[in-house]
Amino acid sequence: MKRCAYGFAVAVMLVGLAPIPTVAVGTAPCGELRGTPLTNGLILSATAVEAGRFVPPDGVVLSPEVLKALPAFCRVTARLTPSSDSAIHIEVWLPIDRWNQRLQAVGDGGLAGFIPYALMAPGLTDGYAVTGTDTGHEGDTAAFMPEHPERLTDFAYRATHEMAGAAKALVTAFYGVAPRFSYYNACSGGGRHAITSAQRYPDDFQGIVAGAASWDQARLDAARIGINLAVNRSPESPIPPSKFSIFTERSSRRATGWTVLLTA
């Protein structure tokens, strides 16, 4: 995830965006955002959080250093329902004291199913209004898919689009002005969401970082099955523990090179 965040910063510089001065406190009190109309959703809460005093939900672990660095912000939660069976949860964090006039949306990896607090936090610290979504289901599993085709659509692409629209509406309501630039930054499964967003909804974001995009999923799954079959074909097939160090050392070197490639 750190590689994606760093790659995002460099990508913003590469597109030639000049630094934008930060603006002061929002024009609307945080609590009043409860009444903000959303096209396909409902605001659940809007709460002002003091600097360094954010308490993550149960099960979410953020380091003390990250929590201490968070500035004061307005935390908004919402439930979006573009279909009768949709249950897309989003959060939008709005800096109270200083805002860089930009919105950064962040995405989950894997099958998502949770709000990406760990990626929202550094964006907020850097002055962005930030937003994230669970993509319409809870838990990093595919158990929701067979009985819920609309939620599958939400996971595939619709949740990211709905999040973008709702977040922009909340930014505008809070600051009295729309974000000058909106970005999407995600890795792995989130990288796939990034590519899909660019294809289906090119007006949602002015800049997109699709890190380690999980694309051509059918072939990726087939490759995983093929590897599994190869290493479990017989008792002699698995890689012996005596050779594990070879792979870990080479993987470490390649990961470092990959980081340079992303940020060059």
C-alpha atoms as a PDB file:
ATOM      1  CA  MET A   1       0.000   0.000   0.000  1.00  0.00           C
ATOM      2  CA  LYS A   2       2.882   2.395   0.685  1.00  0.00           C
ATOM      3  CA  ARG A   3       4.089   1.910  -2.867  1.00  0.00           C
ATOM      4  CA  CYS A   4       0.679   3.020  -4.143  1.00  0.00           C
ATOM      5  CA  ALA A   5       0.617   6.089  -1.930  1.00  0.00           C
ATOM      6  CA  TYR A   6       4.097   7.140  -3.088  1.00  0.00           C
ATOM      7  CA  GLY A   7       3.289   6.378  -6.689  1.00  0.00           C
ATOM      8  CA  PHE A   8       0.175   8.538  -6.320  1.00  0.00           C
ATOM      9  CA  ALA A   9       2.194  11.535  -5.170  1.00  0.00           C
ATOM     10  CA  VAL A  10       4.576  11.191  -8.108  1.00  0.00           C
ATOM     11  CA  ALA A  11       1.733  10.698 -10.584  1.00  0.00           C
ATOM     12  CA  VAL A  12       0.156  13.955  -9.453  1.00  0.00           C
ATOM     13  CA  MET A  13       3.441  15.756 -10.104  1.00  0.00           C
ATOM     14  CA  LEU A  14       3.813  14.138 -13.515  1.00  0.00           C
ATOM     15  CA  VAL A  15       0.482  15.469 -14.768  1.00  0.00           C
ATOM     16  CA  GLY A  16       1.771  18.971 -14.082  1.00  0.00           C
ATOM     17  CA  LEU A  17      -0.660  20.178 -11.438  1.00  0.00           C
ATOM     18  CA  ALA A  18       0.656  23.297  -9.759  1.00  0.00           C
ATOM     19  CA  PRO A  19       0.438  23.492  -5.952  1.00  0.00           C
ATOM     20  CA  ILE A  20      -2.927  24.782  -4.765  1.00  0.00           C
ATOM     21  CA  PRO A  21      -3.134  26.945  -1.631  1.00  0.00           C
ATOM     22  CA  THR A  22      -5.085  25.450   1.230  1.00  0.00           C
ATOM     23  CA  VAL A  23      -8.341  27.064   2.284  1.00  0.00           C
ATOM     24  CA  ALA A  24      -9.586  27.716   5.778  1.00  0.00           C
ATOM     25  CA  VAL A  25     -12.402  26.082   7.716  1.00  0.00           C
ATOM     26  CA  GLY A  26     -15.548  24.903   5.943  1.00  0.00           C
ATOM     27  CA  THR A  27     -18.522  27.226   5.547  1.00  0.00           C
ATOM     28  CA  ALA A  28     -21.036  24.775   7.052  1.00  0.00           C
ATOM     29  CA  PRO A  29     -20.946  23.247  10.561  1.00  0.00           C
ATOM     30  CA  CYS A  30     -20.134  19.539  10.443  1.00  0.00           C
ATOM     31  CA  GLY A  31     -23.415  18.446  12.019  1.00  0.00           C
ATOM     32  CA  GLU A  32     -25.462  20.226   9.371  1.00  0.00           C
ATOM     33  CA  LEU A  33     -24.138  17.836   6.732  1.00  0.00           C
ATOM     34  CA  ARG A  34     -26.701  15.306   8.017  1.00  0.00           C
ATOM     35  CA  GLY A  35     -29.215  17.161   5.867  1.00  0.00           C
ATOM     36  CA  THR A  36     -27.163  17.029   2.651  1.00  0.00           C
ATOM     37  CA  PRO A  37     -29.277  15.425  -0.103  1.00  0.00           C
ATOM     38  CA  LEU A  38     -27.641  12.521  -1.935  1.00  0.00           C
ATOM     39  CA  THR A  39     -28.880  11.234  -5.270  1.00  0.00           C
ATOM     40  CA  ASN A  40     -28.910   7.580  -4.195  1.00  0.00           C
ATOM     41  CA  GLY A  41     -28.352   7.508  -0.473  1.00  0.00           C
ATOM     42  CA  LEU A  42     -28.728   8.738   3.049  1.00  0.00           C
ATOM     43  CA  ILE A  43     -26.309  10.411   5.457  1.00  0.00           C
ATOM     44  CA  LEU A  44     -25.991   8.280   8.593  1.00  0.00           C
ATOM     45  CA  SER A  45     -23.787  10.548  10.709  1.00  0.00           C
ATOM     46  CA  ALA A  46     -21.719  13.712  10.580  1.00  0.00           C
ATOM     47  CA  THR A  47     -19.383  14.205  13.521  1.00  0.00           C
ATOM     48  CA  ALA A  48     -16.535  16.613  14.204  1.00  0.00           C
ATOM     49  CA  VAL A  49     -13.343  14.834  15.334  1.00  0.00           C
ATOM     50  CA  GLU A  50     -10.642  16.725  17.206  1.00  0.00           C
ATOM     51  CA  ALA A  51      -7.048  16.554  16.012  1.00  0.00           C
ATOM     52  CA  GLY A  52      -5.383  13.327  17.111  1.00  0.00           C
ATOM     53  CA  ARG A  53      -8.564  12.049  18.785  1.00  0.00           C
ATOM     54  CA  PHE A  54     -10.017   9.708  16.161  1.00  0.00           C
ATOM     55  CA  VAL A  55     -11.068   6.349  17.603  1.00  0.00           C
ATOM     56  CA  PRO A  56     -11.154   3.645  14.887  1.00  0.00           C
ATOM     57  CA  PRO A  57     -14.089   1.221  14.798  1.00  0.00           C
ATOM     58  CA  ASP A  58     -13.699  -2.173  16.441  1.00  0.00           C
ATOM     59  CA  GLY A  59     -11.336  -4.391  14.487  1.00  0.00           C
ATOM     60  CA  VAL A  60      -9.572  -1.514  12.741  1.00  0.00           C
ATOM     61  CA  VAL A  61      -5.929  -1.074  13.742  1.00  0.00           C
ATOM     62  CA  LEU A  62      -4.099   2.186  13.087  1.00  0.00           C
ATOM     63  CA  SER A  63      -0.759   2.942  14.669  1.00  0.00           C
ATOM     64  CA  PRO A  64      -0.571   5.549  17.460  1.00  0.00           C
ATOM     65  CA  GLU A  65       1.669   7.649  15.227  1.00  0.00           C
ATOM     66  CA  VAL A  66      -0.934   7.706  12.439  1.00  0.00           C
ATOM     67  CA  LEU A  67      -3.755   8.568  14.832  1.00  0.00           C
ATOM     68  CA  LYS A  68      -1.766  11.343  16.481  1.00  0.00           C
ATOM     69  CA  ALA A  69      -0.979  12.920  13.106  1.00  0.00           C
ATOM     70  CA  LEU A  70      -4.615  13.192  12.010  1.00  0.00           C
ATOM     71  CA  PRO A  71      -5.845  16.790  11.894  1.00  0.00           C
ATOM     72  CA  ALA A  72      -9.294  17.882  13.024  1.00  0.00           C
ATOM     73  CA  PHE A  73     -11.902  16.700  10.539  1.00  0.00           C
ATOM     74  CA  CYS A  74     -15.588  16.210   9.888  1.00  0.00           C
ATOM     75  CA  ARG A  75     -16.334  12.498   9.613  1.00  0.00           C
ATOM     76  CA  VAL A  76     -19.380  11.663   7.504  1.00  0.00           C
ATOM     77  CA  THR A  77     -20.824   8.172   7.054  1.00  0.00           C
ATOM     78  CA  ALA A  78     -23.461   7.333   4.473  1.00  0.00           C
ATOM     79  CA  ARG A  79     -25.342   4.392   2.970  1.00  0.00           C
ATOM     80  CA  LEU A  80     -25.850   4.482  -0.793  1.00  0.00           C
ATOM     81  CA  THR A  81     -28.628   2.548  -2.517  1.00  0.00           C
ATOM     82  CA  PRO A  82     -28.523   2.827  -6.317  1.00  0.00           C
ATOM     83  CA  SER A  83     -30.648  -0.360  -6.411  1.00  0.00           C
ATOM     84  CA  SER A  84     -33.221  -1.831  -4.041  1.00  0.00           C
ATOM     85  CA  ASP A  85     -30.685  -4.445  -2.883  1.00  0.00           C
ATOM     86  CA  SER A  86     -27.673  -2.131  -2.632  1.00  0.00           C
ATOM     87  CA  ALA A  87     -25.984  -1.421   0.691  1.00  0.00           C
ATOM     88  CA  ILE A  88     -22.906   0.633  -0.178  1.00  0.00           C
ATOM     89  CA  HIS A  89     -21.295   2.206   2.876  1.00  0.00           C
ATOM     90  CA  ILE A  90     -18.923   5.115   2.449  1.00  0.00           C
ATOM     91  CA  GLU A  91     -17.054   7.518   4.677  1.00  0.00           C
ATOM     92  CA  VAL A  92     -15.955  11.033   3.756  1.00  0.00           C
ATOM     93  CA  TRP A  93     -13.370  12.831   5.897  1.00  0.00           C
ATOM     94  CA  LEU A  94     -13.252  16.604   5.506  1.00  0.00           C
ATOM     95  CA  PRO A  95     -10.355  18.612   6.991  1.00  0.00           C
ATOM     96  CA  ILE A  96     -11.763  21.316   9.260  1.00  0.00           C
ATOM     97  CA  ASP A  97      -8.836  23.731   9.521  1.00  0.00           C
ATOM     98  CA  ARG A  98      -6.972  23.440   6.214  1.00  0.00           C
ATOM     99  CA  TRP A  99      -7.997  21.820   2.920  1.00  0.00           C
ATOM    100  CA  ASN A 100      -5.934  21.594  -0.275  1.00  0.00           C
ATOM    101  CA  GLN A 101      -9.065  21.892  -2.482  1.00  0.00           C
ATOM    102  CA  ARG A 102      -8.692  18.304  -3.688  1.00  0.00           C
ATOM    103  CA  LEU A 103     -10.599  15.084  -3.148  1.00  0.00           C
ATOM    104  CA  GLN A 104      -8.741  11.775  -2.954  1.00  0.00           C
ATOM    105  CA  ALA A 105     -10.768   8.565  -3.131  1.00  0.00           C
ATOM    106  CA  VAL A 106      -8.985   5.373  -2.060  1.00  0.00           C
ATOM    107  CA  GLY A 107      -9.852   1.765  -2.842  1.00  0.00           C
ATOM    108  CA  ASP A 108      -9.673  -1.661  -1.214  1.00  0.00           C
ATOM    109  CA  GLY A 109      -7.647  -4.652  -2.381  1.00  0.00           C
ATOM    110  CA  GLY A 110      -8.917  -8.196  -2.749  1.00  0.00           C
ATOM    111  CA  LEU A 111     -12.686  -8.568  -2.505  1.00  0.00           C
ATOM    112  CA  ALA A 112     -12.932  -5.359  -0.457  1.00  0.00           C
ATOM    113  CA  GLY A 113     -15.759  -5.467   2.099  1.00  0.00           C
ATOM    114  CA  PHE A 114     -14.368  -2.814   4.458  1.00  0.00           C
ATOM    115  CA  ILE A 115     -13.726   0.933   4.636  1.00  0.00           C
ATOM    116  CA  PRO A 116     -10.006   1.507   3.859  1.00  0.00           C
ATOM    117  CA  TYR A 117      -9.180   3.606   6.940  1.00  0.00           C
ATOM    118  CA  ALA A 118      -5.454   2.886   6.659  1.00  0.00           C
ATOM    119  CA  LEU A 119      -5.372   4.593   3.254  1.00  0.00           C
ATOM    120  CA  MET A 120      -7.736   7.416   4.145  1.00  0.00           C
ATOM    121  CA  ALA A 121      -5.622   8.524   7.110  1.00  0.00           C
ATOM    122  CA  PRO A 122      -2.473   9.649   5.225  1.00  0.00           C
ATOM    123  CA  GLY A 123      -4.582  11.454   2.633  1.00  0.00           C
ATOM    124  CA  LEU A 124      -6.318  13.437   5.339  1.00  0.00           C
ATOM    125  CA  THR A 125      -2.991  14.252   6.980  1.00  0.00           C
ATOM    126  CA  ASP A 126      -1.757  15.587   3.637  1.00  0.00           C
ATOM    127  CA  GLY A 127      -4.685  18.006   3.415  1.00  0.00           C
ATOM    128  CA  TYR A 128      -7.055  16.112   1.155  1.00  0.00           C
ATOM    129  CA  ALA A 129     -10.729  15.526   1.643  1.00  0.00           C
ATOM    130  CA  VAL A 130     -10.732  11.720   1.470  1.00  0.00           C
ATOM    131  CA  THR A 131     -13.326   9.050   0.864  1.00  0.00           C
ATOM    132  CA  GLY A 132     -13.525   5.253   0.850  1.00  0.00           C
ATOM    133  CA  THR A 133     -16.160   2.551   0.471  1.00  0.00           C
ATOM    134  CA  ASP A 134     -16.742  -1.091   1.379  1.00  0.00           C
ATOM    135  CA  THR A 135     -17.955  -1.512  -2.268  1.00  0.00           C
ATOM    136  CA  GLY A 136     -21.368  -2.702  -1.103  1.00  0.00           C
ATOM    137  CA  HIS A 137     -20.752  -5.695   1.154  1.00  0.00           C
ATOM    138  CA  GLU A 138     -19.115  -6.621   4.442  1.00  0.00           C
ATOM    139  CA  GLY A 139     -16.191  -9.041   4.715  1.00  0.00           C
ATOM    140  CA  ASP A 140     -13.427  -9.959   2.272  1.00  0.00           C
ATOM    141  CA  THR A 141     -15.313 -12.921   0.770  1.00  0.00           C
ATOM    142  CA  ALA A 142     -17.465 -13.644  -2.274  1.00  0.00           C
ATOM    143  CA  ALA A 143     -20.313 -15.086  -0.204  1.00  0.00           C
ATOM    144  CA  PHE A 144     -22.586 -12.178  -1.147  1.00  0.00           C
ATOM    145  CA  MET A 145     -22.365 -12.737  -4.906  1.00  0.00           C
ATOM    146  CA  PRO A 146     -24.666 -15.724  -5.711  1.00  0.00           C
ATOM    147  CA  GLU A 147     -27.831 -14.292  -4.162  1.00  0.00           C
ATOM    148  CA  HIS A 148     -27.231 -10.600  -4.834  1.00  0.00           C
ATOM    149  CA  PRO A 149     -26.586  -9.688  -8.489  1.00  0.00           C
ATOM    150  CA  GLU A 150     -27.089  -5.981  -7.779  1.00  0.00           C
ATOM    151  CA  ARG A 151     -24.461  -6.069  -5.042  1.00  0.00           C
ATOM    152  CA  LEU A 152     -22.136  -7.835  -7.455  1.00  0.00           C
ATOM    153  CA  THR A 153     -22.637  -4.908  -9.828  1.00  0.00           C
ATOM    154  CA  ASP A 154     -21.905  -2.531  -6.960  1.00  0.00           C
ATOM    155  CA  PHE A 155     -18.676  -4.375  -6.200  1.00  0.00           C
ATOM    156  CA  ALA A 156     -17.672  -4.540  -9.869  1.00  0.00           C
ATOM    157  CA  TYR A 157     -17.890  -0.804 -10.572  1.00  0.00           C
ATOM    158  CA  ARG A 158     -20.993   0.992  -9.337  1.00  0.00           C
ATOM    159  CA  ALA A 159     -19.926   1.549  -5.727  1.00  0.00           C
ATOM    160  CA  THR A 160     -16.855   3.564  -6.756  1.00  0.00           C
ATOM    161  CA  HIS A 161     -18.968   5.747  -9.042  1.00  0.00           C
ATOM    162  CA  GLU A 162     -21.640   6.340  -6.410  1.00  0.00           C
ATOM    163  CA  MET A 163     -18.959   7.136  -3.824  1.00  0.00           C
ATOM    164  CA  ALA A 164     -17.423   9.751  -6.110  1.00  0.00           C
ATOM    165  CA  GLY A 165     -20.714  11.558  -6.611  1.00  0.00           C
ATOM    166  CA  ALA A 166     -21.671  11.507  -2.934  1.00  0.00           C
ATOM    167  CA  ALA A 167     -18.214  12.640  -1.786  1.00  0.00           C
ATOM    168  CA  LYS A 168     -18.208  15.584  -4.186  1.00  0.00           C
ATOM    169  CA  ALA A 169     -21.666  16.626  -2.957  1.00  0.00           C
ATOM    170  CA  LEU A 170     -20.464  16.566   0.659  1.00  0.00           C
ATOM    171  CA  VAL A 171     -17.270  18.465  -0.137  1.00  0.00           C
ATOM    172  CA  THR A 172     -19.319  21.161  -1.865  1.00  0.00           C
ATOM    173  CA  ALA A 173     -21.819  21.360   0.988  1.00  0.00           C
ATOM    174  CA  PHE A 174     -19.091  21.660   3.629  1.00  0.00           C
ATOM    175  CA  TYR A 175     -16.695  24.085   1.959  1.00  0.00           C
ATOM    176  CA  GLY A 176     -19.133  25.963  -0.262  1.00  0.00           C
ATOM    177  CA  VAL A 177     -17.053  25.052  -3.305  1.00  0.00           C
ATOM    178  CA  ALA A 178     -16.516  21.855  -5.313  1.00  0.00           C
ATOM    179  CA  PRO A 179     -13.086  20.179  -5.294  1.00  0.00           C
ATOM    180  CA  ARG A 180     -10.798  21.622  -7.949  1.00  0.00           C
ATOM    181  CA  PHE A 181      -9.394  18.154  -8.658  1.00  0.00           C
ATOM    182  CA  SER A 182     -10.588  14.674  -7.756  1.00  0.00           C
ATOM    183  CA  TYR A 183      -8.315  11.615  -7.749  1.00  0.00           C
ATOM    184  CA  TYR A 184      -8.663   7.877  -7.282  1.00  0.00           C
ATOM    185  CA  ASN A 185      -5.800   5.870  -5.781  1.00  0.00           C
ATOM    186  CA  ALA A 186      -5.907   2.098  -5.244  1.00  0.00           C
ATOM    187  CA  CYS A 187      -3.982  -1.170  -5.545  1.00  0.00           C
ATOM    188  CA  SER A 188      -4.695  -4.767  -6.546  1.00  0.00           C
ATOM    189  CA  GLY A 189      -8.463  -5.268  -6.620  1.00  0.00           C
ATOM    190  CA  GLY A 190      -8.730  -1.527  -6.108  1.00  0.00           C
ATOM    191  CA  GLY A 191      -6.483  -1.065  -9.114  1.00  0.00           C
ATOM    192  CA  ARG A 192      -9.059  -2.988 -11.136  1.00  0.00           C
ATOM    193  CA  HIS A 193     -11.751  -0.666  -9.805  1.00  0.00           C
ATOM    194  CA  ALA A 194      -9.577   2.255 -10.897  1.00  0.00           C
ATOM    195  CA  ILE A 195      -9.304   0.970 -14.470  1.00  0.00           C
ATOM    196  CA  THR A 196     -13.027   0.209 -14.602  1.00  0.00           C
ATOM    197  CA  SER A 197     -13.814   3.721 -13.348  1.00  0.00           C
ATOM    198  CA  ALA A 198     -11.678   5.243 -16.086  1.00  0.00           C
ATOM    199  CA  GLN A 199     -13.507   3.164 -18.709  1.00  0.00           C
ATOM    200  CA  ARG A 200     -17.084   3.609 -17.486  1.00  0.00           C
ATOM    201  CA  TYR A 201     -17.043   6.983 -15.752  1.00  0.00           C
ATOM    202  CA  PRO A 202     -14.188   9.095 -17.150  1.00  0.00           C
ATOM    203  CA  ASP A 203     -15.603  12.284 -15.627  1.00  0.00           C
ATOM    204  CA  ASP A 204     -15.493  11.017 -12.028  1.00  0.00           C
ATOM    205  CA  PHE A 205     -11.776  11.671 -11.527  1.00  0.00           C
ATOM    206  CA  GLN A 206      -9.175  13.929 -13.133  1.00  0.00           C
ATOM    207  CA  GLY A 207      -6.349  11.615 -12.050  1.00  0.00           C
ATOM    208  CA  ILE A 208      -6.251   7.864 -11.406  1.00  0.00           C
ATOM    209  CA  VAL A 209      -3.530   5.599 -10.036  1.00  0.00           C
ATOM    210  CA  ALA A 210      -4.284   1.930 -10.745  1.00  0.00           C
ATOM    211  CA  GLY A 211      -1.536   0.184  -8.807  1.00  0.00           C
ATOM    212  CA  ALA A 212      -0.953  -3.557  -9.296  1.00  0.00           C
ATOM    213  CA  ALA A 213      -4.284  -3.832 -11.077  1.00  0.00           C
ATOM    214  CA  SER A 214      -5.919  -7.244 -10.718  1.00  0.00           C
ATOM    215  CA  TRP A 215      -6.970  -7.472 -14.356  1.00  0.00           C
ATOM    216  CA  ASP A 216      -8.016 -10.398 -16.591  1.00  0.00           C
ATOM    217  CA  GLN A 217      -9.250 -12.158 -13.471  1.00  0.00           C
ATOM    218  CA  ALA A 218     -10.185 -15.440 -15.161  1.00  0.00           C
ATOM    219  CA  ARG A 219      -6.587 -16.011 -16.272  1.00  0.00           C
ATOM    220  CA  LEU A 220      -5.223 -14.963 -12.889  1.00  0.00           C
ATOM    221  CA  ASP A 221      -7.442 -17.517 -11.160  1.00  0.00           C
ATOM    222  CA  ALA A 222      -6.487 -20.207 -13.680  1.00  0.00           C
ATOM    223  CA  ALA A 223      -2.806 -19.456 -13.042  1.00  0.00           C
ATOM    224  CA  ARG A 224      -3.302 -19.814  -9.293  1.00  0.00           C
ATOM    225  CA  ILE A 225      -5.010 -23.172  -9.805  1.00  0.00           C
ATOM    226  CA  GLY A 226      -2.192 -24.312 -12.101  1.00  0.00           C
ATOM    227  CA  ILE A 227       0.471 -23.409  -9.531  1.00  0.00           C
ATOM    228  CA  ASN A 228      -1.473 -25.167  -6.797  1.00  0.00           C
ATOM    229  CA  LEU A 229      -1.770 -28.325  -8.872  1.00  0.00           C
ATOM    230  CA  ALA A 230       1.942 -28.259  -9.703  1.00  0.00           C
ATOM    231  CA  VAL A 231       3.179 -27.935  -6.126  1.00  0.00           C
ATOM    232  CA  ASN A 232       0.733 -30.524  -4.759  1.00  0.00           C
ATOM    233  CA  ARG A 233       0.901 -33.139  -7.522  1.00  0.00           C
ATOM    234  CA  SER A 234       2.922 -35.577  -5.440  1.00  0.00           C
ATOM    235  CA  PRO A 235       4.692 -35.708  -2.041  1.00  0.00           C
ATOM    236  CA  GLU A 236       7.892 -34.674  -3.815  1.00  0.00           C
ATOM    237  CA  SER A 237       6.316 -31.660  -5.589  1.00  0.00           C
ATOM    238  CA  PRO A 238       6.275 -29.001  -2.826  1.00  0.00           C
ATOM    239  CA  ILE A 239       9.264 -26.688  -2.551  1.00  0.00           C
ATOM    240  CA  PRO A 240      11.426 -27.944   0.345  1.00  0.00           C
ATOM    241  CA  PRO A 241      11.858 -25.590   3.305  1.00  0.00           C
ATOM    242  CA  SER A 242      15.597 -25.584   2.739  1.00  0.00           C
ATOM    243  CA  LYS A 243      15.043 -23.459  -0.394  1.00  0.00           C
ATOM    244  CA  PHE A 244      12.621 -20.925   1.109  1.00  0.00           C
ATOM    245  CA  SER A 245      15.381 -18.404   1.813  1.00  0.00           C
ATOM    246  CA  ILE A 246      16.268 -18.253  -1.902  1.00  0.00           C
ATOM    247  CA  PHE A 247      12.775 -17.079  -2.800  1.00  0.00           C
ATOM    248  CA  THR A 248      12.385 -14.626   0.063  1.00  0.00           C
ATOM    249  CA  GLU A 249      15.712 -12.968  -0.734  1.00  0.00           C
ATOM    250  CA  ARG A 250      14.931 -12.639  -4.442  1.00  0.00           C
ATOM    251  CA  SER A 251      11.371 -11.461  -3.764  1.00  0.00           C
ATOM    252  CA  SER A 252      12.730  -8.739  -1.520  1.00  0.00           C
ATOM    253  CA  ARG A 253      15.122  -7.536  -4.213  1.00  0.00           C
ATOM    254  CA  ARG A 254      12.396  -7.561  -6.855  1.00  0.00           C
ATOM    255  CA  ALA A 255       9.982  -5.665  -4.594  1.00  0.00           C
ATOM    256  CA  THR A 256      12.546  -2.922  -4.177  1.00  0.00           C
ATOM    257  CA  GLY A 257      13.032  -2.692  -7.921  1.00  0.00           C
ATOM    258  CA  TRP A 258       9.278  -2.583  -8.441  1.00  0.00           C
ATOM    259  CA  THR A 259       8.991   0.350  -6.064  1.00  0.00           C
ATOM    260  CA  VAL A 260      11.587   2.261  -8.084  1.00  0.00           C
ATOM    261  CA  LEU A 261       9.726   1.435 -11.293  1.00  0.00           C
ATOM    262  CA  LEU A 262       6.445   2.801  -9.904  1.00  0.00           C
ATOM    263  CA  THR A 263       7.941   6.007  -8.573  1.00  0.00           C
ATOM    264  CA  ALA A 264      10.446   6.854 -11.278  1.00  0.00           C
END
